[in-house]
Amino acid sequence: MKAIHAIRMAVGALVVAASVNAWAQASDTSAATDTANTAASAKASKKAARTANRALQKKVRAALAHAKGISVANITVRANNGAVTLAGTVPDASQIDQATQVAQGVAGVTSVKNALTVRSEGGQ
């Protein structure tokens, strides 16, 4: 009788140990899944931001191209979360301020940094 009681206790302890082990593995899996989901959403977020920045760059460049009196041949447009940077050269000083005003008028632009310079007489 004592042997049967001892065997039942040992089997019961094994069942409890196996249950705790299985529960711990399930918790580790969910933590790993949460980490993977966070990494995937961060990657998707970066991709969406990059796509939005490119779209804004194209909108600003198109607005500059359609504006009368601005030569966009040597203008580079960069966008980062609504902040737009204009860089390059223009043939006339009046085009620098005009380019800033046109860029500020584009939907989605929060600020404009103008790094445009006037091209020298020789075109260099």
PDB file of N, CA and C in Angstrom:
ATOM      1  N   MET A   1       0.808  -1.184   0.000  1.00  0.00           N
ATOM      2  CA  MET A   1       0.000   0.000   0.000  1.00  0.00           C
ATOM      3  C   MET A   1       0.860   1.262   0.000  1.00  0.00           C
ATOM      4  N   LYS A   2       1.931   1.215   0.800  1.00  0.00           N
ATOM      5  CA  LYS A   2       2.817   2.372   0.836  1.00  0.00           C
ATOM      6  C   LYS A   2       3.499   2.567  -0.516  1.00  0.00           C
ATOM      7  N   ALA A   3       3.800   1.498  -1.221  1.00  0.00           N
ATOM      8  CA  ALA A   3       4.456   1.589  -2.515  1.00  0.00           C
ATOM      9  C   ALA A   3       3.515   2.224  -3.548  1.00  0.00           C
ATOM     10  N   ILE A   4       2.241   1.853  -3.507  1.00  0.00           N
ATOM     11  CA  ILE A   4       1.266   2.430  -4.433  1.00  0.00           C
ATOM     12  C   ILE A   4       1.112   3.928  -4.176  1.00  0.00           C
ATOM     13  N   HIS A   5       1.064   4.286  -2.906  1.00  0.00           N
ATOM     14  CA  HIS A   5       0.945   5.701  -2.544  1.00  0.00           C
ATOM     15  C   HIS A   5       2.176   6.484  -3.022  1.00  0.00           C
ATOM     16  N   ALA A   6       3.366   5.910  -2.890  1.00  0.00           N
ATOM     17  CA  ALA A   6       4.597   6.561  -3.319  1.00  0.00           C
ATOM     18  C   ALA A   6       4.625   6.711  -4.844  1.00  0.00           C
ATOM     19  N   ILE A   7       4.150   5.701  -5.557  1.00  0.00           N
ATOM     20  CA  ILE A   7       4.114   5.758  -7.019  1.00  0.00           C
ATOM     21  C   ILE A   7       3.134   6.846  -7.481  1.00  0.00           C
ATOM     22  N   ARG A   8       1.980   6.925  -6.820  1.00  0.00           N
ATOM     23  CA  ARG A   8       1.004   7.965  -7.175  1.00  0.00           C
ATOM     24  C   ARG A   8       1.580   9.355  -6.954  1.00  0.00           C
ATOM     25  N   MET A   9       2.310   9.540  -5.875  1.00  0.00           N
ATOM     26  CA  MET A   9       2.933  10.844  -5.589  1.00  0.00           C
ATOM     27  C   MET A   9       3.976  11.183  -6.650  1.00  0.00           C
ATOM     28  N   ALA A  10       4.775  10.196  -7.057  1.00  0.00           N
ATOM     29  CA  ALA A  10       5.817  10.428  -8.055  1.00  0.00           C
ATOM     30  C   ALA A  10       5.186  10.774  -9.412  1.00  0.00           C
ATOM     31  N   VAL A  11       4.131  10.048  -9.788  1.00  0.00           N
ATOM     32  CA  VAL A  11       3.442  10.326 -11.043  1.00  0.00           C
ATOM     33  C   VAL A  11       2.804  11.714 -11.001  1.00  0.00           C
ATOM     34  N   GLY A  12       2.202  12.054  -9.889  1.00  0.00           N
ATOM     35  CA  GLY A  12       1.600  13.380  -9.734  1.00  0.00           C
ATOM     36  C   GLY A  12       2.639  14.486  -9.872  1.00  0.00           C
ATOM     37  N   ALA A  13       3.820  14.282  -9.273  1.00  0.00           N
ATOM     38  CA  ALA A  13       4.891  15.273  -9.363  1.00  0.00           C
ATOM     39  C   ALA A  13       5.371  15.416 -10.809  1.00  0.00           C
ATOM     40  N   LEU A  14       5.456  14.300 -11.535  1.00  0.00           N
ATOM     41  CA  LEU A  14       5.870  14.347 -12.931  1.00  0.00           C
ATOM     42  C   LEU A  14       4.849  15.106 -13.795  1.00  0.00           C
ATOM     43  N   VAL A  15       3.573  14.886 -13.525  1.00  0.00           N
ATOM     44  CA  VAL A  15       2.529  15.578 -14.283  1.00  0.00           C
ATOM     45  C   VAL A  15       2.615  17.081 -14.032  1.00  0.00           C
ATOM     46  N   VAL A  16       2.793  17.480 -12.803  1.00  0.00           N
ATOM     47  CA  VAL A  16       2.916  18.900 -12.467  1.00  0.00           C
ATOM     48  C   VAL A  16       4.157  19.499 -13.140  1.00  0.00           C
ATOM     49  N   ALA A  17       5.273  18.793 -13.095  1.00  0.00           N
ATOM     50  CA  ALA A  17       6.515  19.285 -13.705  1.00  0.00           C
ATOM     51  C   ALA A  17       6.340  19.449 -15.214  1.00  0.00           C
ATOM     52  N   ALA A  18       5.695  18.483 -15.855  1.00  0.00           N
ATOM     53  CA  ALA A  18       5.476  18.555 -17.298  1.00  0.00           C
ATOM     54  C   ALA A  18       4.542  19.719 -17.639  1.00  0.00           C
ATOM     55  N   SER A  19       3.536  19.955 -16.822  1.00  0.00           N
ATOM     56  CA  SER A  19       2.600  21.052 -17.071  1.00  0.00           C
ATOM     57  C   SER A  19       3.295  22.404 -16.950  1.00  0.00           C
ATOM     58  N   VAL A  20       4.115  22.568 -15.942  1.00  0.00           N
ATOM     59  CA  VAL A  20       4.841  23.825 -15.742  1.00  0.00           C
ATOM     60  C   VAL A  20       5.797  24.065 -16.908  1.00  0.00           C
ATOM     61  N   ASN A  21       6.471  23.013 -17.354  1.00  0.00           N
ATOM     62  CA  ASN A  21       7.399  23.133 -18.470  1.00  0.00           C
ATOM     63  C   ASN A  21       6.662  23.544 -19.749  1.00  0.00           C
ATOM     64  N   ALA A  22       5.525  22.934 -20.024  1.00  0.00           N
ATOM     65  CA  ALA A  22       4.745  23.275 -21.212  1.00  0.00           C
ATOM     66  C   ALA A  22       4.232  24.704 -21.128  1.00  0.00           C
ATOM     67  N   TRP A  23       3.804  25.152 -19.981  1.00  0.00           N
ATOM     68  CA  TRP A  23       3.318  26.518 -19.805  1.00  0.00           C
ATOM     69  C   TRP A  23       4.449  27.522 -20.026  1.00  0.00           C
ATOM     70  N   ALA A  24       5.654  27.206 -19.527  1.00  0.00           N
ATOM     71  CA  ALA A  24       6.797  28.098 -19.691  1.00  0.00           C
ATOM     72  C   ALA A  24       7.176  28.221 -21.164  1.00  0.00           C
ATOM     73  N   GLN A  25       7.099  27.145 -21.926  1.00  0.00           N
ATOM     74  CA  GLN A  25       7.406  27.202 -23.348  1.00  0.00           C
ATOM     75  C   GLN A  25       6.401  28.057 -24.102  1.00  0.00           C
ATOM     76  N   ALA A  26       5.135  27.967 -23.721  1.00  0.00           N
ATOM     77  CA  ALA A  26       4.113  28.770 -24.378  1.00  0.00           C
ATOM     78  C   ALA A  26       4.366  30.252 -24.117  1.00  0.00           C
ATOM     79  N   SER A  27       4.812  30.611 -22.922  1.00  0.00           N
ATOM     80  CA  SER A  27       5.108  32.007 -22.599  1.00  0.00           C
ATOM     81  C   SER A  27       6.297  32.502 -23.402  1.00  0.00           C
ATOM     82  N   ASP A  28       7.323  31.675 -23.552  1.00  0.00           N
ATOM     83  CA  ASP A  28       8.485  32.068 -24.338  1.00  0.00           C
ATOM     84  C   ASP A  28       8.108  32.284 -25.793  1.00  0.00           C
ATOM     85  N   THR A  29       7.243  31.462 -26.311  1.00  0.00           N
ATOM     86  CA  THR A  29       6.805  31.583 -27.694  1.00  0.00           C
ATOM     87  C   THR A  29       6.048  32.881 -27.913  1.00  0.00           C
ATOM     88  N   SER A  30       5.172  33.234 -26.982  1.00  0.00           N
ATOM     89  CA  SER A  30       4.412  34.470 -27.142  1.00  0.00           C
ATOM     90  C   SER A  30       5.323  35.691 -27.035  1.00  0.00           C
ATOM     91  N   ALA A  31       6.351  35.631 -26.180  1.00  0.00           N
ATOM     92  CA  ALA A  31       7.289  36.743 -26.077  1.00  0.00           C
ATOM     93  C   ALA A  31       8.080  36.883 -27.368  1.00  0.00           C
ATOM     94  N   ALA A  32       8.485  35.758 -27.945  1.00  0.00           N
ATOM     95  CA  ALA A  32       9.215  35.802 -29.206  1.00  0.00           C
ATOM     96  C   ALA A  32       8.315  36.324 -30.326  1.00  0.00           C
ATOM     97  N   THR A  33       7.060  35.931 -30.313  1.00  0.00           N
ATOM     98  CA  THR A  33       6.111  36.391 -31.318  1.00  0.00           C
ATOM     99  C   THR A  33       5.891  37.892 -31.184  1.00  0.00           C
ATOM    100  N   ASP A  34       5.766  38.401 -29.954  1.00  0.00           N
ATOM    101  CA  ASP A  34       5.590  39.834 -29.738  1.00  0.00           C
ATOM    102  C   ASP A  34       6.801  40.613 -30.254  1.00  0.00           C
ATOM    103  N   THR A  35       7.992  40.090 -30.006  1.00  0.00           N
ATOM    104  CA  THR A  35       9.209  40.748 -30.475  1.00  0.00           C
ATOM    105  C   THR A  35       9.244  40.765 -32.002  1.00  0.00           C
ATOM    106  N   ALA A  36       8.883  39.648 -32.618  1.00  0.00           N
ATOM    107  CA  ALA A  36       8.866  39.578 -34.082  1.00  0.00           C
ATOM    108  C   ALA A  36       7.823  40.534 -34.656  1.00  0.00           C
ATOM    109  N   ASN A  37       6.656  40.615 -34.022  1.00  0.00           N
ATOM    110  CA  ASN A  37       5.608  41.524 -34.494  1.00  0.00           C
ATOM    111  C   ASN A  37       6.057  42.974 -34.384  1.00  0.00           C
ATOM    112  N   THR A  38       6.736  43.324 -33.305  1.00  0.00           N
ATOM    113  CA  THR A  38       7.224  44.682 -33.110  1.00  0.00           C
ATOM    114  C   THR A  38       8.255  45.028 -34.183  1.00  0.00           C
ATOM    115  N   ALA A  39       9.155  44.100 -34.461  1.00  0.00           N
ATOM    116  CA  ALA A  39      10.175  44.338 -35.482  1.00  0.00           C
ATOM    117  C   ALA A  39       9.532  44.487 -36.858  1.00  0.00           C
ATOM    118  N   ALA A  40       8.540  43.658 -37.149  1.00  0.00           N
ATOM    119  CA  ALA A  40       7.867  43.735 -38.444  1.00  0.00           C
ATOM    120  C   ALA A  40       7.107  45.045 -38.596  1.00  0.00           C
ATOM    121  N   SER A  41       6.449  45.491 -37.527  1.00  0.00           N
ATOM    122  CA  SER A  41       5.701  46.744 -37.623  1.00  0.00           C
ATOM    123  C   SER A  41       6.652  47.936 -37.747  1.00  0.00           C
ATOM    124  N   ALA A  42       7.815  47.880 -37.093  1.00  0.00           N
ATOM    125  CA  ALA A  42       8.801  48.954 -37.226  1.00  0.00           C
ATOM    126  C   ALA A  42       9.332  49.014 -38.655  1.00  0.00           C
ATOM    127  N   LYS A  43       9.557  47.843 -39.245  1.00  0.00           N
ATOM    128  CA  LYS A  43      10.043  47.795 -40.622  1.00  0.00           C
ATOM    129  C   LYS A  43       8.990  48.337 -41.579  1.00  0.00           C
ATOM    130  N   ALA A  44       7.728  47.973 -41.350  1.00  0.00           N
ATOM    131  CA  ALA A  44       6.642  48.474 -42.191  1.00  0.00           C
ATOM    132  C   ALA A  44       6.482  49.980 -42.016  1.00  0.00           C
ATOM    133  N   SER A  45       6.667  50.451 -40.786  1.00  0.00           N
ATOM    134  CA  SER A  45       6.551  51.879 -40.514  1.00  0.00           C
ATOM    135  C   SER A  45       7.652  52.665 -41.235  1.00  0.00           C
ATOM    136  N   LYS A  46       8.871  52.135 -41.219  1.00  0.00           N
ATOM    137  CA  LYS A  46       9.977  52.801 -41.917  1.00  0.00           C
ATOM    138  C   LYS A  46       9.725  52.819 -43.420  1.00  0.00           C
ATOM    139  N   LYS A  47       9.197  51.718 -43.934  1.00  0.00           N
ATOM    140  CA  LYS A  47       8.914  51.652 -45.363  1.00  0.00           C
ATOM    141  C   LYS A  47       7.820  52.652 -45.740  1.00  0.00           C
ATOM    142  N   ALA A  48       6.800  52.771 -44.901  1.00  0.00           N
ATOM    143  CA  ALA A  48       5.719  53.725 -45.166  1.00  0.00           C
ATOM    144  C   ALA A  48       6.246  55.160 -45.108  1.00  0.00           C
ATOM    145  N   ALA A  49       7.119  55.448 -44.158  1.00  0.00           N
ATOM    146  CA  ALA A  49       7.693  56.793 -44.050  1.00  0.00           C
ATOM    147  C   ALA A  49       8.546  57.103 -45.275  1.00  0.00           C
ATOM    148  N   ARG A  50       9.333  56.136 -45.715  1.00  0.00           N
ATOM    149  CA  ARG A  50      10.171  56.332 -46.893  1.00  0.00           C
ATOM    150  C   ARG A  50       9.309  56.588 -48.134  1.00  0.00           C
ATOM    151  N   THR A  51       8.227  55.834 -48.261  1.00  0.00           N
ATOM    152  CA  THR A  51       7.315  56.016 -49.386  1.00  0.00           C
ATOM    153  C   THR A  51       6.660  57.394 -49.338  1.00  0.00           C
ATOM    154  N   ALA A  52       6.242  57.818 -48.155  1.00  0.00           N
ATOM    155  CA  ALA A  52       5.626  59.141 -48.004  1.00  0.00           C
ATOM    156  C   ALA A  52       6.627  60.251 -48.329  1.00  0.00           C
ATOM    157  N   ASN A  53       7.866  60.086 -47.902  1.00  0.00           N
ATOM    158  CA  ASN A  53       8.894  61.089 -48.197  1.00  0.00           C
ATOM    159  C   ASN A  53       9.137  61.195 -49.697  1.00  0.00           C
ATOM    160  N   ARG A  54       9.197  60.057 -50.369  1.00  0.00           N
ATOM    161  CA  ARG A  54       9.408  60.081 -51.822  1.00  0.00           C
ATOM    162  C   ARG A  54       8.241  60.739 -52.546  1.00  0.00           C
ATOM    163  N   ALA A  55       7.033  60.433 -52.093  1.00  0.00           N
ATOM    164  CA  ALA A  55       5.852  61.037 -52.716  1.00  0.00           C
ATOM    165  C   ALA A  55       5.861  62.554 -52.527  1.00  0.00           C
ATOM    166  N   LEU A  56       6.235  63.017 -51.340  1.00  0.00           N
ATOM    167  CA  LEU A  56       6.296  64.454 -51.083  1.00  0.00           C
ATOM    168  C   LEU A  56       7.384  65.106 -51.941  1.00  0.00           C
ATOM    169  N   GLN A  57       8.522  64.441 -52.086  1.00  0.00           N
ATOM    170  CA  GLN A  57       9.587  64.966 -52.944  1.00  0.00           C
ATOM    171  C   GLN A  57       9.079  65.142 -54.374  1.00  0.00           C
ATOM    172  N   LYS A  58       8.354  64.161 -54.872  1.00  0.00           N
ATOM    173  CA  LYS A  58       7.829  64.244 -56.239  1.00  0.00           C
ATOM    174  C   LYS A  58       6.810  65.370 -56.379  1.00  0.00           C
ATOM    175  N   LYS A  59       5.955  65.550 -55.351  1.00  0.00           N
ATOM    176  CA  LYS A  59       4.956  66.625 -55.406  1.00  0.00           C
ATOM    177  C   LYS A  59       5.625  67.993 -55.424  1.00  0.00           C
ATOM    178  N   VAL A  60       6.647  68.170 -54.598  1.00  0.00           N
ATOM    179  CA  VAL A  60       7.347  69.459 -54.552  1.00  0.00           C
ATOM    180  C   VAL A  60       8.083  69.693 -55.867  1.00  0.00           C
ATOM    181  N   ARG A  61       8.746  68.669 -56.363  1.00  0.00           N
ATOM    182  CA  ARG A  61       9.477  68.810 -57.637  1.00  0.00           C
ATOM    183  C   ARG A  61       8.514  69.156 -58.782  1.00  0.00           C
ATOM    184  N   ALA A  62       7.342  68.509 -58.798  1.00  0.00           N
ATOM    185  CA  ALA A  62       6.352  68.798 -59.839  1.00  0.00           C
ATOM    186  C   ALA A  62       5.841  70.229 -59.711  1.00  0.00           C
ATOM    187  N   ALA A  63       5.612  70.686 -58.478  1.00  0.00           N
ATOM    188  CA  ALA A  63       5.142  72.058 -58.272  1.00  0.00           C
ATOM    189  C   ALA A  63       6.198  73.064 -58.737  1.00  0.00           C
ATOM    190  N   LEU A  64       7.467  72.764 -58.470  1.00  0.00           N
ATOM    191  CA  LEU A  64       8.539  73.655 -58.930  1.00  0.00           C
ATOM    192  C   LEU A  64       8.627  73.660 -60.453  1.00  0.00           C
ATOM    193  N   ALA A  65       8.437  72.495 -61.052  1.00  0.00           N
ATOM    194  CA  ALA A  65       8.515  72.403 -62.515  1.00  0.00           C
ATOM    195  C   ALA A  65       7.373  73.160 -63.187  1.00  0.00           C
ATOM    196  N   HIS A  66       6.192  73.176 -62.559  1.00  0.00           N
ATOM    197  CA  HIS A  66       5.036  73.868 -63.136  1.00  0.00           C
ATOM    198  C   HIS A  66       5.033  75.365 -62.844  1.00  0.00           C
ATOM    199  N   ALA A  67       5.835  75.805 -61.879  1.00  0.00           N
ATOM    200  CA  ALA A  67       5.884  77.230 -61.555  1.00  0.00           C
ATOM    201  C   ALA A  67       6.651  77.976 -62.646  1.00  0.00           C
ATOM    202  N   LYS A  68       6.095  79.093 -63.045  1.00  0.00           N
ATOM    203  CA  LYS A  68       6.744  79.897 -64.082  1.00  0.00           C
ATOM    204  C   LYS A  68       7.926  80.646 -63.485  1.00  0.00           C
ATOM    205  N   GLY A  69       9.009  80.673 -64.227  1.00  0.00           N
ATOM    206  CA  GLY A  69      10.171  81.443 -63.806  1.00  0.00           C
ATOM    207  C   GLY A  69      11.158  80.688 -62.945  1.00  0.00           C
ATOM    208  N   ILE A  70      10.959  79.382 -62.744  1.00  0.00           N
ATOM    209  CA  ILE A  70      11.906  78.603 -61.951  1.00  0.00           C
ATOM    210  C   ILE A  70      12.516  77.520 -62.829  1.00  0.00           C
ATOM    211  N   SER A  71      13.841  77.497 -62.867  1.00  0.00           N
ATOM    212  CA  SER A  71      14.559  76.456 -63.594  1.00  0.00           C
ATOM    213  C   SER A  71      14.895  75.332 -62.612  1.00  0.00           C
ATOM    214  N   VAL A  72      14.290  74.155 -62.795  1.00  0.00           N
ATOM    215  CA  VAL A  72      14.479  73.048 -61.848  1.00  0.00           C
ATOM    216  C   VAL A  72      15.567  72.071 -62.289  1.00  0.00           C
ATOM    217  N   ALA A  73      16.278  72.405 -63.359  1.00  0.00           N
ATOM    218  CA  ALA A  73      17.276  71.479 -63.892  1.00  0.00           C
ATOM    219  C   ALA A  73      18.343  71.099 -62.857  1.00  0.00           C
ATOM    220  N   ASN A  74      18.733  72.032 -62.011  1.00  0.00           N
ATOM    221  CA  ASN A  74      19.798  71.769 -61.041  1.00  0.00           C
ATOM    222  C   ASN A  74      19.308  71.849 -59.596  1.00  0.00           C
ATOM    223  N   ILE A  75      18.027  71.601 -59.366  1.00  0.00           N
ATOM    224  CA  ILE A  75      17.469  71.639 -58.012  1.00  0.00           C
ATOM    225  C   ILE A  75      17.201  70.219 -57.544  1.00  0.00           C
ATOM    226  N   THR A  76      17.669  69.912 -56.342  1.00  0.00           N
ATOM    227  CA  THR A  76      17.421  68.625 -55.708  1.00  0.00           C
ATOM    228  C   THR A  76      16.447  68.850 -54.554  1.00  0.00           C
ATOM    229  N   VAL A  77      15.446  67.996 -54.466  1.00  0.00           N
ATOM    230  CA  VAL A  77      14.443  68.101 -53.401  1.00  0.00           C
ATOM    231  C   VAL A  77      14.572  66.885 -52.488  1.00  0.00           C
ATOM    232  N   ARG A  78      14.689  67.131 -51.187  1.00  0.00           N
ATOM    233  CA  ARG A  78      14.721  66.072 -50.173  1.00  0.00           C
ATOM    234  C   ARG A  78      13.593  66.324 -49.197  1.00  0.00           C
ATOM    235  N   ALA A  79      12.940  65.243 -48.750  1.00  0.00           N
ATOM    236  CA  ALA A  79      11.858  65.376 -47.774  1.00  0.00           C
ATOM    237  C   ALA A  79      12.085  64.399 -46.631  1.00  0.00           C
ATOM    238  N   ASN A  80      11.758  64.842 -45.430  1.00  0.00           N
ATOM    239  CA  ASN A  80      11.851  63.994 -44.245  1.00  0.00           C
ATOM    240  C   ASN A  80      10.736  64.384 -43.293  1.00  0.00           C
ATOM    241  N   ASN A  81       9.662  63.586 -43.280  1.00  0.00           N
ATOM    242  CA  ASN A  81       8.506  63.822 -42.404  1.00  0.00           C
ATOM    243  C   ASN A  81       7.932  65.224 -42.575  1.00  0.00           C
ATOM    244  N   GLY A  82       7.839  65.691 -43.784  1.00  0.00           N
ATOM    245  CA  GLY A  82       7.246  66.998 -44.046  1.00  0.00           C
ATOM    246  C   GLY A  82       8.240  68.127 -44.144  1.00  0.00           C
ATOM    247  N   ALA A  83       9.453  67.912 -43.659  1.00  0.00           N
ATOM    248  CA  ALA A  83      10.501  68.934 -43.762  1.00  0.00           C
ATOM    249  C   ALA A  83      11.193  68.770 -45.107  1.00  0.00           C
ATOM    250  N   VAL A  84      11.168  69.816 -45.922  1.00  0.00           N
ATOM    251  CA  VAL A  84      11.714  69.752 -47.272  1.00  0.00           C
ATOM    252  C   VAL A  84      12.989  70.581 -47.339  1.00  0.00           C
ATOM    253  N   THR A  85      14.006  70.026 -48.023  1.00  0.00           N
ATOM    254  CA  THR A  85      15.254  70.743 -48.259  1.00  0.00           C
ATOM    255  C   THR A  85      15.440  70.906 -49.754  1.00  0.00           C
ATOM    256  N   LEU A  86      15.653  72.149 -50.174  1.00  0.00           N
ATOM    257  CA  LEU A  86      15.947  72.448 -51.571  1.00  0.00           C
ATOM    258  C   LEU A  86      17.441  72.731 -51.671  1.00  0.00           C
ATOM    259  N   ALA A  87      18.107  72.022 -52.572  1.00  0.00           N
ATOM    260  CA  ALA A  87      19.548  72.212 -52.747  1.00  0.00           C
ATOM    261  C   ALA A  87      19.856  72.305 -54.227  1.00  0.00           C
ATOM    262  N   GLY A  88      20.984  72.914 -54.548  1.00  0.00           N
ATOM    263  CA  GLY A  88      21.405  73.025 -55.936  1.00  0.00           C
ATOM    264  C   GLY A  88      21.635  74.472 -56.337  1.00  0.00           C
ATOM    265  N   THR A  89      21.552  74.700 -57.644  1.00  0.00           N
ATOM    266  CA  THR A  89      21.805  76.040 -58.165  1.00  0.00           C
ATOM    267  C   THR A  89      20.675  76.490 -59.072  1.00  0.00           C
ATOM    268  N   VAL A  90      20.490  77.792 -59.116  1.00  0.00           N
ATOM    269  CA  VAL A  90      19.515  78.422 -60.016  1.00  0.00           C
ATOM    270  C   VAL A  90      20.234  79.565 -60.746  1.00  0.00           C
ATOM    271  N   PRO A  91      19.756  79.933 -61.942  1.00  0.00           N
ATOM    272  CA  PRO A  91      20.452  80.981 -62.713  1.00  0.00           C
ATOM    273  C   PRO A  91      20.214  82.399 -62.198  1.00  0.00           C
ATOM    274  N   ASP A  92      19.165  82.619 -61.401  1.00  0.00           N
ATOM    275  CA  ASP A  92      18.819  83.975 -60.979  1.00  0.00           C
ATOM    276  C   ASP A  92      18.470  83.973 -59.495  1.00  0.00           C
ATOM    277  N   ALA A  93      18.883  85.007 -58.770  1.00  0.00           N
ATOM    278  CA  ALA A  93      18.647  85.086 -57.333  1.00  0.00           C
ATOM    279  C   ALA A  93      17.161  85.139 -56.983  1.00  0.00           C
ATOM    280  N   SER A  94      16.352  85.687 -57.862  1.00  0.00           N
ATOM    281  CA  SER A  94      14.918  85.788 -57.566  1.00  0.00           C
ATOM    282  C   SER A  94      14.254  84.413 -57.499  1.00  0.00           C
ATOM    283  N   GLN A  95      14.842  83.428 -58.158  1.00  0.00           N
ATOM    284  CA  GLN A  95      14.277  82.089 -58.158  1.00  0.00           C
ATOM    285  C   GLN A  95      14.426  81.376 -56.803  1.00  0.00           C
ATOM    286  N   ILE A  96      15.366  81.817 -56.002  1.00  0.00           N
ATOM    287  CA  ILE A  96      15.596  81.182 -54.698  1.00  0.00           C
ATOM    288  C   ILE A  96      14.382  81.389 -53.804  1.00  0.00           C
ATOM    289  N   ASP A  97      13.935  82.646 -53.650  1.00  0.00           N
ATOM    290  CA  ASP A  97      12.769  82.925 -52.810  1.00  0.00           C
ATOM    291  C   ASP A  97      11.491  82.355 -53.418  1.00  0.00           C
ATOM    292  N   GLN A  98      11.392  82.408 -54.722  1.00  0.00           N
ATOM    293  CA  GLN A  98      10.206  81.880 -55.390  1.00  0.00           C
ATOM    294  C   GLN A  98      10.098  80.363 -55.186  1.00  0.00           C
ATOM    295  N   ALA A  99      11.217  79.661 -55.243  1.00  0.00           N
ATOM    296  CA  ALA A  99      11.214  78.213 -55.039  1.00  0.00           C
ATOM    297  C   ALA A  99      10.773  77.871 -53.614  1.00  0.00           C
ATOM    298  N   THR A 100      11.200  78.669 -52.653  1.00  0.00           N
ATOM    299  CA  THR A 100      10.781  78.445 -51.265  1.00  0.00           C
ATOM    300  C   THR A 100       9.280  78.629 -51.124  1.00  0.00           C
ATOM    301  N   GLN A 101       8.747  79.671 -51.711  1.00  0.00           N
ATOM    302  CA  GLN A 101       7.304  79.924 -51.622  1.00  0.00           C
ATOM    303  C   GLN A 101       6.488  78.822 -52.285  1.00  0.00           C
ATOM    304  N   VAL A 102       6.956  78.348 -53.429  1.00  0.00           N
ATOM    305  CA  VAL A 102       6.248  77.269 -54.129  1.00  0.00           C
ATOM    306  C   VAL A 102       6.270  76.001 -53.283  1.00  0.00           C
ATOM    307  N   ALA A 103       7.418  75.676 -52.711  1.00  0.00           N
ATOM    308  CA  ALA A 103       7.534  74.461 -51.892  1.00  0.00           C
ATOM    309  C   ALA A 103       6.649  74.548 -50.655  1.00  0.00           C
ATOM    310  N   GLN A 104       6.563  75.719 -50.038  1.00  0.00           N
ATOM    311  CA  GLN A 104       5.719  75.883 -48.858  1.00  0.00           C
ATOM    312  C   GLN A 104       4.244  75.732 -49.188  1.00  0.00           C
ATOM    313  N   GLY A 105       3.877  75.965 -50.422  1.00  0.00           N
ATOM    314  CA  GLY A 105       2.483  75.861 -50.838  1.00  0.00           C
ATOM    315  C   GLY A 105       2.026  74.440 -51.128  1.00  0.00           C
ATOM    316  N   VAL A 106       2.928  73.479 -51.120  1.00  0.00           N
ATOM    317  CA  VAL A 106       2.573  72.088 -51.407  1.00  0.00           C
ATOM    318  C   VAL A 106       1.986  71.445 -50.150  1.00  0.00           C
ATOM    319  N   ALA A 107       0.883  70.721 -50.328  1.00  0.00           N
ATOM    320  CA  ALA A 107       0.240  70.045 -49.194  1.00  0.00           C
ATOM    321  C   ALA A 107       1.188  69.004 -48.603  1.00  0.00           C
ATOM    322  N   GLY A 108       1.304  68.992 -47.286  1.00  0.00           N
ATOM    323  CA  GLY A 108       2.165  68.033 -46.600  1.00  0.00           C
ATOM    324  C   GLY A 108       3.500  68.595 -46.182  1.00  0.00           C
ATOM    325  N   VAL A 109       3.851  69.765 -46.694  1.00  0.00           N
ATOM    326  CA  VAL A 109       5.126  70.386 -46.338  1.00  0.00           C
ATOM    327  C   VAL A 109       4.954  71.150 -45.036  1.00  0.00           C
ATOM    328  N   THR A 110       5.789  70.823 -44.046  1.00  0.00           N
ATOM    329  CA  THR A 110       5.719  71.513 -42.755  1.00  0.00           C
ATOM    330  C   THR A 110       6.772  72.605 -42.634  1.00  0.00           C
ATOM    331  N   SER A 111       7.926  72.403 -43.280  1.00  0.00           N
ATOM    332  CA  SER A 111       8.972  73.434 -43.266  1.00  0.00           C
ATOM    333  C   SER A 111       9.825  73.281 -44.509  1.00  0.00           C
ATOM    334  N   VAL A 112      10.497  74.380 -44.875  1.00  0.00           N
ATOM    335  CA  VAL A 112      11.367  74.368 -46.045  1.00  0.00           C
ATOM    336  C   VAL A 112      12.719  74.951 -45.657  1.00  0.00           C
ATOM    337  N   LYS A 113      13.774  74.191 -45.932  1.00  0.00           N
ATOM    338  CA  LYS A 113      15.141  74.689 -45.769  1.00  0.00           C
ATOM    339  C   LYS A 113      15.671  74.932 -47.173  1.00  0.00           C
ATOM    340  N   ASN A 114      16.074  76.146 -47.435  1.00  0.00           N
ATOM    341  CA  ASN A 114      16.525  76.504 -48.770  1.00  0.00           C
ATOM    342  C   ASN A 114      18.044  76.595 -48.783  1.00  0.00           C
ATOM    343  N   ALA A 115      18.677  75.679 -49.505  1.00  0.00           N
ATOM    344  CA  ALA A 115      20.132  75.681 -49.657  1.00  0.00           C
ATOM    345  C   ALA A 115      20.508  75.945 -51.109  1.00  0.00           C
ATOM    346  N   LEU A 116      19.654  76.681 -51.823  1.00  0.00           N
ATOM    347  CA  LEU A 116      19.916  77.004 -53.219  1.00  0.00           C
ATOM    348  C   LEU A 116      20.927  78.138 -53.319  1.00  0.00           C
ATOM    349  N   THR A 117      21.739  78.078 -54.365  1.00  0.00           N
ATOM    350  CA  THR A 117      22.713  79.149 -54.628  1.00  0.00           C
ATOM    351  C   THR A 117      22.549  79.602 -56.070  1.00  0.00           C
ATOM    352  N   VAL A 118      23.078  80.779 -56.358  1.00  0.00           N
ATOM    353  CA  VAL A 118      23.021  81.327 -57.713  1.00  0.00           C
ATOM    354  C   VAL A 118      24.199  80.779 -58.494  1.00  0.00           C
ATOM    355  N   ARG A 119      23.904  80.264 -59.668  1.00  0.00           N
ATOM    356  CA  ARG A 119      24.933  79.726 -60.547  1.00  0.00           C
ATOM    357  C   ARG A 119      25.747  80.887 -61.116  1.00  0.00           C
ATOM    358  N   SER A 120      27.046  80.719 -61.222  1.00  0.00           N
ATOM    359  CA  SER A 120      27.905  81.787 -61.738  1.00  0.00           C
ATOM    360  C   SER A 120      27.651  82.002 -63.228  1.00  0.00           C
ATOM    361  N   GLU A 121      28.168  83.107 -63.765  1.00  0.00           N
ATOM    362  CA  GLU A 121      27.946  83.510 -65.148  1.00  0.00           C
ATOM    363  C   GLU A 121      28.368  82.453 -66.154  1.00  0.00           C
ATOM    364  N   GLY A 122      29.434  81.730 -65.895  1.00  0.00           N
ATOM    365  CA  GLY A 122      29.954  80.741 -66.832  1.00  0.00           C
ATOM    366  C   GLY A 122      29.150  79.466 -66.837  1.00  0.00           C
ATOM    367  N   GLY A 123      28.141  79.350 -65.975  1.00  0.00           N
ATOM    368  CA  GLY A 123      27.332  78.142 -65.916  1.00  0.00           C
ATOM    369  C   GLY A 123      27.970  77.055 -65.101  1.00  0.00           C
ATOM    370  N   GLN A 124      29.055  77.348 -64.422  1.00  0.00           N
ATOM    371  CA  GLN A 124      29.755  76.349 -63.609  1.00  0.00           C
ATOM    372  C   GLN A 124      29.385  76.429 -62.163  1.00  0.00           C
TER     373      GLN A 124
END
